[in-house]
Amino acid sequence: MKSLIRRNYINIRIICGMVLLVLFIPGFVFGLEVLTMGDSITAGSPYNLHGDGERVGPYQGDLERILRNNGLPSNVYNWGKSGEMTPDGMNRISSVLSSRSADLILIMEGANDVTNGISSNTTATNIGIMIDKSINRSVTPIVGTITPNSRPGGFDAVIRGHFNPKIVSIADSRGVKVADQYWALRPRWNILQYNDLHPNLAGYQIIAETFYSTIFPLPGATSGAAEQIRATAAVVKGIVYPNGSVTKTYFEYGTSTNYTFSSEQTTIDAQEESFDVSITLTGLEPFTTYHYRIVATNLGGTAYGDDWTFRTCGALPWLFILLE
């Protein structure tokens, strides 16, 4: 991965299978360099017609804001080209990859293949070649599915039933993440589309959010049963799935689901597939029912486990002996 190197604290994260150095300088953080590759939907039609490698475009600007708000003030470059089909994109991507050093490339093409009679097999093959070219240049690809098309002619059904499944399959075969833009937009396409083919500004915002949540998925968090319950203490357990980012975890607890208190935090490495968490809660009241849940937070956001309860014992020595 290509990255600026400066003095000061270096934080290493694993993102999409690559090591990302996020460099902390007082008042500033170097984030990601992101290329976006595709047709007029990547370009941002009708709000922006030509990408030309500039930091412009509706979803590119939205994605930059989301990254910045999550502590990664990154640059997102627009290489969309209106009317492009995947045979042209397959050839053009080499020049896009050569345009600058980058960490990620977001590939979303195929809408024009559907309307111009290119087969879904050809589209998937071409996107597979784009993926391979990106990986060979040490740029991590993220593939977006084709967005909805409600123009007459049955295009939407073909996208849903033929093109997108093959795009997902070709990405899966290479271990590449897929941002399912079709289903992110389709349930509310009637209010997220501008002209049956292109999203409106709200739709482009959804595209940005979907790419972000694919790059940085939410962690998983599962609460577990409490153990070693005493009059003033108990051990609570859970499992956390970091999903590729450094994750902090802790327990919320209290005498109701308002969870008045929080436990100490544990930090989990990004490369952990799952992590068993066990934390002792102290300072509890005897003969009291407590609610608790595990919390996990990373660049993808915050996830919560289910609510569980336990009841503390009395403070009598003979009760402790019986419970041993």
C-alpha atoms as a PDB file:
ATOM      1  CA  MET A   1       0.000   0.000   0.000  1.00  0.00           C
ATOM      2  CA  LYS A   2       1.195   3.475  -0.824  1.00  0.00           C
ATOM      3  CA  SER A   3       1.059   5.941   2.030  1.00  0.00           C
ATOM      4  CA  LEU A   4       2.539   9.237   3.168  1.00  0.00           C
ATOM      5  CA  ILE A   5       5.067   8.722   5.948  1.00  0.00           C
ATOM      6  CA  ARG A   6       5.590  11.434   8.560  1.00  0.00           C
ATOM      7  CA  ARG A   7       6.803  11.576  12.132  1.00  0.00           C
ATOM      8  CA  ASN A   8       4.368  11.150  15.038  1.00  0.00           C
ATOM      9  CA  TYR A   9       2.159   8.284  16.136  1.00  0.00           C
ATOM     10  CA  ILE A  10       1.386   5.560  13.563  1.00  0.00           C
ATOM     11  CA  ASN A  11      -1.770   3.462  13.924  1.00  0.00           C
ATOM     12  CA  ILE A  12      -1.904   0.277  11.837  1.00  0.00           C
ATOM     13  CA  ARG A  13      -5.293  -1.044  10.713  1.00  0.00           C
ATOM     14  CA  ILE A  14      -6.259  -3.893   8.419  1.00  0.00           C
ATOM     15  CA  ILE A  15      -8.745  -2.686   5.808  1.00  0.00           C
ATOM     16  CA  CYS A  16     -10.102  -4.936   3.059  1.00  0.00           C
ATOM     17  CA  GLY A  17      -7.146  -7.258   3.531  1.00  0.00           C
ATOM     18  CA  MET A  18      -4.515  -4.507   3.375  1.00  0.00           C
ATOM     19  CA  VAL A  19      -2.537  -2.723   6.062  1.00  0.00           C
ATOM     20  CA  LEU A  20      -3.514   0.936   6.325  1.00  0.00           C
ATOM     21  CA  LEU A  21      -1.211   3.353   8.104  1.00  0.00           C
ATOM     22  CA  VAL A  22      -3.235   6.161   9.596  1.00  0.00           C
ATOM     23  CA  LEU A  23      -0.737   8.807  10.612  1.00  0.00           C
ATOM     24  CA  PHE A  24      -1.665  11.061  13.488  1.00  0.00           C
ATOM     25  CA  ILE A  25      -0.219  14.565  13.343  1.00  0.00           C
ATOM     26  CA  PRO A  26      -1.503  17.207  15.770  1.00  0.00           C
ATOM     27  CA  GLY A  27      -4.771  18.426  14.294  1.00  0.00           C
ATOM     28  CA  PHE A  28      -4.695  16.195  11.224  1.00  0.00           C
ATOM     29  CA  VAL A  29      -5.045  12.582  10.086  1.00  0.00           C
ATOM     30  CA  PHE A  30      -3.951  11.173   6.750  1.00  0.00           C
ATOM     31  CA  GLY A  31      -6.688   8.843   5.538  1.00  0.00           C
ATOM     32  CA  LEU A  32      -7.305   7.055   2.255  1.00  0.00           C
ATOM     33  CA  GLU A  33      -6.675   7.844  -1.391  1.00  0.00           C
ATOM     34  CA  VAL A  34      -9.713   6.473  -3.256  1.00  0.00           C
ATOM     35  CA  LEU A  35     -10.320   6.186  -7.018  1.00  0.00           C
ATOM     36  CA  THR A  36     -13.861   5.762  -8.339  1.00  0.00           C
ATOM     37  CA  MET A  37     -14.285   4.070 -11.728  1.00  0.00           C
ATOM     38  CA  GLY A  38     -17.455   3.724 -13.768  1.00  0.00           C
ATOM     39  CA  ASP A  39     -19.989   5.257 -16.137  1.00  0.00           C
ATOM     40  CA  SER A  40     -22.329   8.251 -15.800  1.00  0.00           C
ATOM     41  CA  ILE A  41     -23.578   7.085 -12.407  1.00  0.00           C
ATOM     42  CA  THR A  42     -20.019   7.266 -11.090  1.00  0.00           C
ATOM     43  CA  ALA A  43     -19.542  10.603 -12.879  1.00  0.00           C
ATOM     44  CA  GLY A  44     -22.650  11.850 -11.077  1.00  0.00           C
ATOM     45  CA  SER A  45     -25.095  12.601 -13.901  1.00  0.00           C
ATOM     46  CA  PRO A  46     -27.053  14.842 -14.092  1.00  0.00           C
ATOM     47  CA  TYR A  47     -25.306  16.854 -11.375  1.00  0.00           C
ATOM     48  CA  ASN A  48     -21.810  16.221 -12.696  1.00  0.00           C
ATOM     49  CA  LEU A  49     -21.165  14.983 -16.231  1.00  0.00           C
ATOM     50  CA  HIS A  50     -17.427  14.300 -16.393  1.00  0.00           C
ATOM     51  CA  GLY A  51     -15.127  12.861 -13.736  1.00  0.00           C
ATOM     52  CA  ASP A  52     -11.718  13.616 -15.273  1.00  0.00           C
ATOM     53  CA  GLY A  53      -9.979  12.518 -12.086  1.00  0.00           C
ATOM     54  CA  GLU A  54     -11.163  15.497 -10.066  1.00  0.00           C
ATOM     55  CA  ARG A  55     -12.448  15.466  -6.485  1.00  0.00           C
ATOM     56  CA  VAL A  56     -15.966  16.264  -7.655  1.00  0.00           C
ATOM     57  CA  GLY A  57     -19.243  14.404  -7.966  1.00  0.00           C
ATOM     58  CA  PRO A  58     -22.224  13.867  -5.684  1.00  0.00           C
ATOM     59  CA  TYR A  59     -21.323  10.513  -4.150  1.00  0.00           C
ATOM     60  CA  GLN A  60     -17.595  11.248  -4.072  1.00  0.00           C
ATOM     61  CA  GLY A  61     -18.175  14.372  -1.997  1.00  0.00           C
ATOM     62  CA  ASP A  62     -20.578  12.498   0.268  1.00  0.00           C
ATOM     63  CA  LEU A  63     -18.045   9.703   0.765  1.00  0.00           C
ATOM     64  CA  GLU A  64     -15.307  12.197   1.624  1.00  0.00           C
ATOM     65  CA  ARG A  65     -17.576  13.734   4.264  1.00  0.00           C
ATOM     66  CA  ILE A  66     -18.425  10.339   5.752  1.00  0.00           C
ATOM     67  CA  LEU A  67     -14.750   9.384   5.909  1.00  0.00           C
ATOM     68  CA  ARG A  68     -13.845  12.719   7.477  1.00  0.00           C
ATOM     69  CA  ASN A  69     -16.622  12.421  10.061  1.00  0.00           C
ATOM     70  CA  ASN A  70     -15.192   9.034  11.042  1.00  0.00           C
ATOM     71  CA  GLY A  71     -11.668  10.364  11.528  1.00  0.00           C
ATOM     72  CA  LEU A  72     -10.309   9.692   8.016  1.00  0.00           C
ATOM     73  CA  PRO A  73     -10.190  12.932   5.979  1.00  0.00           C
ATOM     74  CA  SER A  74      -9.542  11.185   2.670  1.00  0.00           C
ATOM     75  CA  ASN A  75      -9.480  12.135  -1.012  1.00  0.00           C
ATOM     76  CA  VAL A  76     -12.006  10.523  -3.377  1.00  0.00           C
ATOM     77  CA  TYR A  77     -11.326  10.994  -7.103  1.00  0.00           C
ATOM     78  CA  ASN A  78     -14.005  10.766  -9.783  1.00  0.00           C
ATOM     79  CA  TRP A  79     -13.054   8.794 -12.910  1.00  0.00           C
ATOM     80  CA  GLY A  80     -16.605   8.280 -14.157  1.00  0.00           C
ATOM     81  CA  LYS A  81     -17.230   8.480 -17.906  1.00  0.00           C
ATOM     82  CA  SER A  82     -20.747   8.911 -19.237  1.00  0.00           C
ATOM     83  CA  GLY A  83     -21.966   6.196 -21.621  1.00  0.00           C
ATOM     84  CA  GLU A  84     -19.068   3.856 -20.943  1.00  0.00           C
ATOM     85  CA  MET A  85     -19.545   0.102 -21.270  1.00  0.00           C
ATOM     86  CA  THR A  86     -17.334  -2.495 -19.597  1.00  0.00           C
ATOM     87  CA  PRO A  87     -15.242  -3.327 -22.729  1.00  0.00           C
ATOM     88  CA  ASP A  88     -14.102   0.318 -22.716  1.00  0.00           C
ATOM     89  CA  GLY A  89     -13.770   0.419 -18.940  1.00  0.00           C
ATOM     90  CA  MET A  90     -11.656  -2.723 -19.012  1.00  0.00           C
ATOM     91  CA  ASN A  91      -9.157  -0.875 -21.225  1.00  0.00           C
ATOM     92  CA  ARG A  92      -9.426   2.519 -19.504  1.00  0.00           C
ATOM     93  CA  ILE A  93      -8.841   1.287 -15.968  1.00  0.00           C
ATOM     94  CA  SER A  94      -5.086   0.975 -16.519  1.00  0.00           C
ATOM     95  CA  SER A  95      -4.794   4.719 -17.070  1.00  0.00           C
ATOM     96  CA  VAL A  96      -7.021   5.376 -14.040  1.00  0.00           C
ATOM     97  CA  LEU A  97      -4.787   3.205 -11.877  1.00  0.00           C
ATOM     98  CA  SER A  98      -1.747   5.047 -13.222  1.00  0.00           C
ATOM     99  CA  SER A  99      -3.252   8.465 -12.440  1.00  0.00           C
ATOM    100  CA  ARG A 100      -2.010   8.540  -8.830  1.00  0.00           C
ATOM    101  CA  SER A 101      -1.041   6.390  -5.882  1.00  0.00           C
ATOM    102  CA  ALA A 102      -4.197   4.998  -4.298  1.00  0.00           C
ATOM    103  CA  ASP A 103      -5.379   2.634  -1.585  1.00  0.00           C
ATOM    104  CA  LEU A 104      -8.800   1.721  -2.994  1.00  0.00           C
ATOM    105  CA  ILE A 105     -10.652   1.745  -6.298  1.00  0.00           C
ATOM    106  CA  LEU A 106     -14.464   1.599  -6.342  1.00  0.00           C
ATOM    107  CA  ILE A 107     -15.603  -0.099  -9.572  1.00  0.00           C
ATOM    108  CA  MET A 108     -19.260   0.261 -10.620  1.00  0.00           C
ATOM    109  CA  GLU A 109     -19.987  -0.439 -14.290  1.00  0.00           C
ATOM    110  CA  GLY A 110     -22.411  -2.395 -16.436  1.00  0.00           C
ATOM    111  CA  ALA A 111     -25.539  -0.244 -16.644  1.00  0.00           C
ATOM    112  CA  ASN A 112     -24.801   0.588 -20.276  1.00  0.00           C
ATOM    113  CA  ASP A 113     -23.974  -3.047 -21.044  1.00  0.00           C
ATOM    114  CA  VAL A 114     -27.537  -3.951 -20.097  1.00  0.00           C
ATOM    115  CA  THR A 115     -29.140  -1.409 -22.396  1.00  0.00           C
ATOM    116  CA  ASN A 116     -26.758  -2.050 -25.311  1.00  0.00           C
ATOM    117  CA  GLY A 117     -27.091  -5.818 -25.540  1.00  0.00           C
ATOM    118  CA  ILE A 118     -23.787  -6.924 -24.023  1.00  0.00           C
ATOM    119  CA  SER A 119     -24.218 -10.280 -22.295  1.00  0.00           C
ATOM    120  CA  SER A 120     -24.075 -10.616 -18.537  1.00  0.00           C
ATOM    121  CA  ASN A 121     -21.237 -13.148 -18.906  1.00  0.00           C
ATOM    122  CA  THR A 122     -19.157 -10.619 -20.856  1.00  0.00           C
ATOM    123  CA  THR A 123     -19.877  -7.909 -18.290  1.00  0.00           C
ATOM    124  CA  ALA A 124     -18.804 -10.146 -15.423  1.00  0.00           C
ATOM    125  CA  THR A 125     -15.658 -11.219 -17.276  1.00  0.00           C
ATOM    126  CA  ASN A 126     -14.707  -7.608 -17.977  1.00  0.00           C
ATOM    127  CA  ILE A 127     -15.259  -6.590 -14.372  1.00  0.00           C
ATOM    128  CA  GLY A 128     -13.112  -9.562 -13.342  1.00  0.00           C
ATOM    129  CA  ILE A 129     -10.312  -8.185 -15.544  1.00  0.00           C
ATOM    130  CA  MET A 130     -10.705  -4.764 -13.888  1.00  0.00           C
ATOM    131  CA  ILE A 131     -10.421  -6.441 -10.502  1.00  0.00           C
ATOM    132  CA  ASP A 132      -7.280  -8.287 -11.550  1.00  0.00           C
ATOM    133  CA  LYS A 133      -5.640  -5.148 -12.942  1.00  0.00           C
ATOM    134  CA  SER A 134      -6.348  -3.315  -9.690  1.00  0.00           C
ATOM    135  CA  ILE A 135      -4.932  -6.086  -7.521  1.00  0.00           C
ATOM    136  CA  ASN A 136      -1.843  -6.301  -9.736  1.00  0.00           C
ATOM    137  CA  ARG A 137      -1.274  -2.588  -9.079  1.00  0.00           C
ATOM    138  CA  SER A 138      -1.638  -3.143  -5.293  1.00  0.00           C
ATOM    139  CA  VAL A 139      -4.862  -1.131  -5.216  1.00  0.00           C
ATOM    140  CA  THR A 140      -7.711  -2.805  -3.344  1.00  0.00           C
ATOM    141  CA  PRO A 141     -10.891  -3.011  -5.471  1.00  0.00           C
ATOM    142  CA  ILE A 142     -14.438  -2.746  -4.151  1.00  0.00           C
ATOM    143  CA  VAL A 143     -17.133  -3.680  -6.697  1.00  0.00           C
ATOM    144  CA  GLY A 144     -20.553  -2.046  -6.790  1.00  0.00           C
ATOM    145  CA  THR A 145     -23.539  -3.862  -8.246  1.00  0.00           C
ATOM    146  CA  ILE A 146     -25.478  -2.194 -11.078  1.00  0.00           C
ATOM    147  CA  THR A 147     -28.036   0.270  -9.755  1.00  0.00           C
ATOM    148  CA  PRO A 148     -31.776   0.008 -10.582  1.00  0.00           C
ATOM    149  CA  ASN A 149     -33.189   0.931 -13.991  1.00  0.00           C
ATOM    150  CA  SER A 150     -36.935   1.533 -14.120  1.00  0.00           C
ATOM    151  CA  ARG A 151     -37.088   2.515 -17.800  1.00  0.00           C
ATOM    152  CA  PRO A 152     -39.483   0.446 -19.978  1.00  0.00           C
ATOM    153  CA  GLY A 153     -37.993  -2.691 -21.489  1.00  0.00           C
ATOM    154  CA  GLY A 154     -37.488  -5.024 -18.543  1.00  0.00           C
ATOM    155  CA  PHE A 155     -33.960  -3.785 -17.828  1.00  0.00           C
ATOM    156  CA  ASP A 156     -34.421  -3.859 -14.059  1.00  0.00           C
ATOM    157  CA  ALA A 157     -35.411  -7.528 -14.020  1.00  0.00           C
ATOM    158  CA  VAL A 158     -32.383  -8.423 -16.144  1.00  0.00           C
ATOM    159  CA  ILE A 159     -30.069  -6.458 -13.838  1.00  0.00           C
ATOM    160  CA  ARG A 160     -31.531  -8.146 -10.777  1.00  0.00           C
ATOM    161  CA  GLY A 161     -31.750 -11.670 -12.157  1.00  0.00           C
ATOM    162  CA  HIS A 162     -28.715 -11.972 -14.418  1.00  0.00           C
ATOM    163  CA  PHE A 163     -26.128  -9.205 -14.328  1.00  0.00           C
ATOM    164  CA  ASN A 164     -25.745  -8.532 -10.619  1.00  0.00           C
ATOM    165  CA  PRO A 165     -25.547 -12.190  -9.528  1.00  0.00           C
ATOM    166  CA  LYS A 166     -22.698 -12.733 -12.012  1.00  0.00           C
ATOM    167  CA  ILE A 167     -20.911  -9.575 -10.887  1.00  0.00           C
ATOM    168  CA  VAL A 168     -21.156 -10.737  -7.272  1.00  0.00           C
ATOM    169  CA  SER A 169     -19.898 -14.189  -8.263  1.00  0.00           C
ATOM    170  CA  ILE A 170     -16.842 -12.864 -10.120  1.00  0.00           C
ATOM    171  CA  ALA A 171     -15.957 -10.618  -7.178  1.00  0.00           C
ATOM    172  CA  ASP A 172     -16.430 -13.445  -4.680  1.00  0.00           C
ATOM    173  CA  SER A 173     -14.156 -15.691  -6.733  1.00  0.00           C
ATOM    174  CA  ARG A 174     -11.362 -13.187  -6.180  1.00  0.00           C
ATOM    175  CA  GLY A 175     -12.116 -12.467  -2.542  1.00  0.00           C
ATOM    176  CA  VAL A 176     -13.229  -8.908  -3.311  1.00  0.00           C
ATOM    177  CA  LYS A 177     -15.906  -7.093  -1.327  1.00  0.00           C
ATOM    178  CA  VAL A 178     -19.160  -6.137  -3.045  1.00  0.00           C
ATOM    179  CA  ALA A 179     -21.173  -3.003  -2.269  1.00  0.00           C
ATOM    180  CA  ASP A 180     -24.718  -4.034  -3.152  1.00  0.00           C
ATOM    181  CA  GLN A 181     -25.861  -0.705  -4.552  1.00  0.00           C
ATOM    182  CA  TYR A 182     -28.874  -2.265  -6.274  1.00  0.00           C
ATOM    183  CA  TRP A 183     -30.573  -3.384  -3.070  1.00  0.00           C
ATOM    184  CA  ALA A 184     -29.420  -0.297  -1.185  1.00  0.00           C
ATOM    185  CA  LEU A 185     -31.490   1.775  -3.648  1.00  0.00           C
ATOM    186  CA  ARG A 186     -34.224  -0.528  -4.984  1.00  0.00           C
ATOM    187  CA  PRO A 187     -36.694  -0.570  -2.037  1.00  0.00           C
ATOM    188  CA  ARG A 188     -37.060   3.244  -2.261  1.00  0.00           C
ATOM    189  CA  TRP A 189     -36.071   3.756  -5.889  1.00  0.00           C
ATOM    190  CA  ASN A 190     -39.253   5.735  -6.574  1.00  0.00           C
ATOM    191  CA  ILE A 191     -37.990   8.532  -4.299  1.00  0.00           C
ATOM    192  CA  LEU A 192     -34.234   8.030  -4.840  1.00  0.00           C
ATOM    193  CA  GLN A 193     -34.164   8.263  -8.665  1.00  0.00           C
ATOM    194  CA  TYR A 194     -33.822  11.321 -10.863  1.00  0.00           C
ATOM    195  CA  ASN A 195     -34.787   9.942 -14.281  1.00  0.00           C
ATOM    196  CA  ASP A 196     -35.396   6.163 -13.960  1.00  0.00           C
ATOM    197  CA  LEU A 197     -31.673   5.462 -14.506  1.00  0.00           C
ATOM    198  CA  HIS A 198     -29.676   7.939 -12.429  1.00  0.00           C
ATOM    199  CA  PRO A 199     -30.089   8.518  -8.694  1.00  0.00           C
ATOM    200  CA  ASN A 200     -31.020  11.905  -7.295  1.00  0.00           C
ATOM    201  CA  LEU A 201     -28.862  13.552  -4.643  1.00  0.00           C
ATOM    202  CA  ALA A 202     -30.449  11.452  -1.884  1.00  0.00           C
ATOM    203  CA  GLY A 203     -29.726   8.345  -3.940  1.00  0.00           C
ATOM    204  CA  TYR A 204     -26.090   9.322  -4.426  1.00  0.00           C
ATOM    205  CA  GLN A 205     -25.845   9.765  -0.665  1.00  0.00           C
ATOM    206  CA  ILE A 206     -27.015   6.152  -0.285  1.00  0.00           C
ATOM    207  CA  ILE A 207     -24.324   5.031  -2.762  1.00  0.00           C
ATOM    208  CA  ALA A 208     -21.657   6.760  -0.652  1.00  0.00           C
ATOM    209  CA  GLU A 209     -22.982   5.233   2.570  1.00  0.00           C
ATOM    210  CA  THR A 210     -23.103   1.769   1.000  1.00  0.00           C
ATOM    211  CA  PHE A 211     -19.505   1.977  -0.209  1.00  0.00           C
ATOM    212  CA  TYR A 212     -18.414   3.171   3.234  1.00  0.00           C
ATOM    213  CA  SER A 213     -20.215   0.380   5.072  1.00  0.00           C
ATOM    214  CA  THR A 214     -18.650  -2.136   2.676  1.00  0.00           C
ATOM    215  CA  ILE A 215     -15.130  -0.799   3.241  1.00  0.00           C
ATOM    216  CA  PHE A 216     -15.695  -0.593   6.992  1.00  0.00           C
ATOM    217  CA  PRO A 217     -18.450  -3.049   7.976  1.00  0.00           C
ATOM    218  CA  LEU A 218     -20.036  -2.913  11.404  1.00  0.00           C
ATOM    219  CA  PRO A 219     -18.510  -5.206  14.004  1.00  0.00           C
ATOM    220  CA  GLY A 220     -20.565  -8.090  15.320  1.00  0.00           C
ATOM    221  CA  ALA A 221     -21.416  -8.333  19.024  1.00  0.00           C
ATOM    222  CA  THR A 222     -23.096 -11.198  20.890  1.00  0.00           C
ATOM    223  CA  SER A 223     -23.845 -11.019  24.608  1.00  0.00           C
ATOM    224  CA  GLY A 224     -23.306 -14.130  26.708  1.00  0.00           C
ATOM    225  CA  ALA A 225     -24.357 -15.476  30.100  1.00  0.00           C
ATOM    226  CA  ALA A 226     -23.012 -14.027  33.351  1.00  0.00           C
ATOM    227  CA  GLU A 227     -20.860 -16.237  35.615  1.00  0.00           C
ATOM    228  CA  GLN A 228     -19.337 -16.155  39.102  1.00  0.00           C
ATOM    229  CA  ILE A 229     -22.210 -14.041  40.386  1.00  0.00           C
ATOM    230  CA  ARG A 230     -21.625 -12.726  43.908  1.00  0.00           C
ATOM    231  CA  ALA A 231     -23.172 -10.084  46.113  1.00  0.00           C
ATOM    232  CA  THR A 232     -21.195  -7.184  44.648  1.00  0.00           C
ATOM    233  CA  ALA A 233     -19.539  -8.582  41.521  1.00  0.00           C
ATOM    234  CA  ALA A 234     -20.150 -10.755  38.455  1.00  0.00           C
ATOM    235  CA  VAL A 235     -18.305 -11.830  35.332  1.00  0.00           C
ATOM    236  CA  VAL A 236     -20.091 -11.007  32.069  1.00  0.00           C
ATOM    237  CA  LYS A 237     -19.134 -12.536  28.744  1.00  0.00           C
ATOM    238  CA  GLY A 238     -19.647 -12.054  25.034  1.00  0.00           C
ATOM    239  CA  ILE A 239     -18.161 -12.504  21.576  1.00  0.00           C
ATOM    240  CA  VAL A 240     -17.032  -9.720  19.228  1.00  0.00           C
ATOM    241  CA  TYR A 241     -16.351  -9.976  15.475  1.00  0.00           C
ATOM    242  CA  PRO A 242     -14.129  -7.040  14.396  1.00  0.00           C
ATOM    243  CA  ASN A 243     -14.828  -7.503  10.656  1.00  0.00           C
ATOM    244  CA  GLY A 244     -11.501  -6.047   9.567  1.00  0.00           C
ATOM    245  CA  SER A 245     -11.037  -2.964  11.771  1.00  0.00           C
ATOM    246  CA  VAL A 246      -9.502  -2.363  15.180  1.00  0.00           C
ATOM    247  CA  THR A 247     -12.463  -2.638  17.542  1.00  0.00           C
ATOM    248  CA  LYS A 248     -13.074  -1.422  21.081  1.00  0.00           C
ATOM    249  CA  THR A 249     -15.509  -3.361  23.223  1.00  0.00           C
ATOM    250  CA  TYR A 250     -17.082  -2.965  26.652  1.00  0.00           C
ATOM    251  CA  PHE A 251     -20.279  -3.764  28.549  1.00  0.00           C
ATOM    252  CA  GLU A 252     -23.115  -1.434  29.402  1.00  0.00           C
ATOM    253  CA  TYR A 253     -24.994  -2.389  32.572  1.00  0.00           C
ATOM    254  CA  GLY A 254     -27.454  -1.107  35.129  1.00  0.00           C
ATOM    255  CA  THR A 255     -30.685  -1.920  36.931  1.00  0.00           C
ATOM    256  CA  SER A 256     -32.707  -1.244  33.770  1.00  0.00           C
ATOM    257  CA  THR A 257     -32.160  -1.117  30.027  1.00  0.00           C
ATOM    258  CA  ASN A 258     -31.052   2.500  30.466  1.00  0.00           C
ATOM    259  CA  TYR A 259     -27.620   0.974  31.270  1.00  0.00           C
ATOM    260  CA  THR A 260     -26.348   3.562  33.742  1.00  0.00           C
ATOM    261  CA  PHE A 261     -22.784   2.199  33.872  1.00  0.00           C
ATOM    262  CA  SER A 262     -20.031   1.111  31.467  1.00  0.00           C
ATOM    263  CA  SER A 263     -17.240  -1.379  32.132  1.00  0.00           C
ATOM    264  CA  GLU A 264     -13.580  -1.029  31.241  1.00  0.00           C
ATOM    265  CA  GLN A 265     -12.729  -1.242  27.532  1.00  0.00           C
ATOM    266  CA  THR A 266     -10.853  -3.946  25.644  1.00  0.00           C
ATOM    267  CA  THR A 267      -9.190  -3.339  22.246  1.00  0.00           C
ATOM    268  CA  ILE A 268      -9.318  -6.134  19.658  1.00  0.00           C
ATOM    269  CA  ASP A 269      -6.924  -6.411  16.724  1.00  0.00           C
ATOM    270  CA  ALA A 270      -8.396  -6.054  13.241  1.00  0.00           C
ATOM    271  CA  GLN A 271      -7.180  -9.465  12.103  1.00  0.00           C
ATOM    272  CA  GLU A 272      -9.113 -11.358  14.774  1.00  0.00           C
ATOM    273  CA  GLU A 273     -12.045 -13.247  13.265  1.00  0.00           C
ATOM    274  CA  SER A 274     -13.771 -13.480  16.638  1.00  0.00           C
ATOM    275  CA  PHE A 275     -12.772 -12.597  20.182  1.00  0.00           C
ATOM    276  CA  ASP A 276     -14.156 -13.927  23.470  1.00  0.00           C
ATOM    277  CA  VAL A 277     -14.663 -11.066  25.922  1.00  0.00           C
ATOM    278  CA  SER A 278     -14.837 -11.574  29.688  1.00  0.00           C
ATOM    279  CA  ILE A 279     -15.041  -8.614  32.081  1.00  0.00           C
ATOM    280  CA  THR A 280     -15.681  -8.499  35.830  1.00  0.00           C
ATOM    281  CA  LEU A 281     -18.252  -5.966  36.971  1.00  0.00           C
ATOM    282  CA  THR A 282     -17.678  -4.709  40.505  1.00  0.00           C
ATOM    283  CA  GLY A 283     -19.381  -2.361  42.942  1.00  0.00           C
ATOM    284  CA  LEU A 284     -22.775  -4.030  42.481  1.00  0.00           C
ATOM    285  CA  GLU A 285     -25.606  -4.038  45.001  1.00  0.00           C
ATOM    286  CA  PRO A 286     -26.671  -7.321  46.684  1.00  0.00           C
ATOM    287  CA  PHE A 287     -30.052  -8.886  45.841  1.00  0.00           C
ATOM    288  CA  THR A 288     -30.348  -6.751  42.696  1.00  0.00           C
ATOM    289  CA  THR A 289     -31.248  -7.622  39.118  1.00  0.00           C
ATOM    290  CA  TYR A 290     -28.863  -6.129  36.556  1.00  0.00           C
ATOM    291  CA  HIS A 291     -29.312  -5.712  32.808  1.00  0.00           C
ATOM    292  CA  TYR A 292     -26.229  -5.809  30.585  1.00  0.00           C
ATOM    293  CA  ARG A 293     -25.167  -5.995  26.933  1.00  0.00           C
ATOM    294  CA  ILE A 294     -21.896  -6.041  25.059  1.00  0.00           C
ATOM    295  CA  VAL A 295     -20.948  -3.070  22.856  1.00  0.00           C
ATOM    296  CA  ALA A 296     -18.430  -3.102  19.986  1.00  0.00           C
ATOM    297  CA  THR A 297     -17.327  -0.034  18.031  1.00  0.00           C
ATOM    298  CA  ASN A 298     -14.940   0.529  15.128  1.00  0.00           C
ATOM    299  CA  LEU A 299     -14.705   2.602  11.927  1.00  0.00           C
ATOM    300  CA  GLY A 300     -17.887   0.929  10.674  1.00  0.00           C
ATOM    301  CA  GLY A 301     -19.923   2.138  13.639  1.00  0.00           C
ATOM    302  CA  THR A 302     -21.264   0.650  16.871  1.00  0.00           C
ATOM    303  CA  ALA A 303     -22.978  -2.703  17.360  1.00  0.00           C
ATOM    304  CA  TYR A 304     -24.881  -3.868  20.433  1.00  0.00           C
ATOM    305  CA  GLY A 305     -25.497  -7.348  21.766  1.00  0.00           C
ATOM    306  CA  ASP A 306     -28.855  -8.462  23.158  1.00  0.00           C
ATOM    307  CA  ASP A 307     -29.942  -7.517  26.647  1.00  0.00           C
ATOM    308  CA  TRP A 308     -29.213 -10.169  29.331  1.00  0.00           C
ATOM    309  CA  THR A 309     -29.830 -10.132  33.065  1.00  0.00           C
ATOM    310  CA  PHE A 310     -28.446 -11.608  36.263  1.00  0.00           C
ATOM    311  CA  ARG A 311     -29.339 -11.199  39.932  1.00  0.00           C
ATOM    312  CA  THR A 312     -26.679 -10.664  42.573  1.00  0.00           C
ATOM    313  CA  CYS A 313     -26.626 -12.763  45.738  1.00  0.00           C
ATOM    314  CA  GLY A 314     -26.853 -11.710  49.354  1.00  0.00           C
ATOM    315  CA  ALA A 315     -23.765 -10.763  51.327  1.00  0.00           C
ATOM    316  CA  LEU A 316     -23.977 -13.669  53.824  1.00  0.00           C
ATOM    317  CA  PRO A 317     -20.831 -15.858  54.147  1.00  0.00           C
ATOM    318  CA  TRP A 318     -22.821 -19.121  54.279  1.00  0.00           C
ATOM    319  CA  LEU A 319     -24.417 -18.246  50.906  1.00  0.00           C
ATOM    320  CA  PHE A 320     -20.973 -17.823  49.344  1.00  0.00           C
ATOM    321  CA  ILE A 321     -20.030 -21.303  50.562  1.00  0.00           C
ATOM    322  CA  LEU A 322     -23.164 -22.870  49.085  1.00  0.00           C
ATOM    323  CA  LEU A 323     -22.451 -21.267  45.744  1.00  0.00           C
ATOM    324  CA  GLU A 324     -18.901 -22.564  45.479  1.00  0.00           C
END
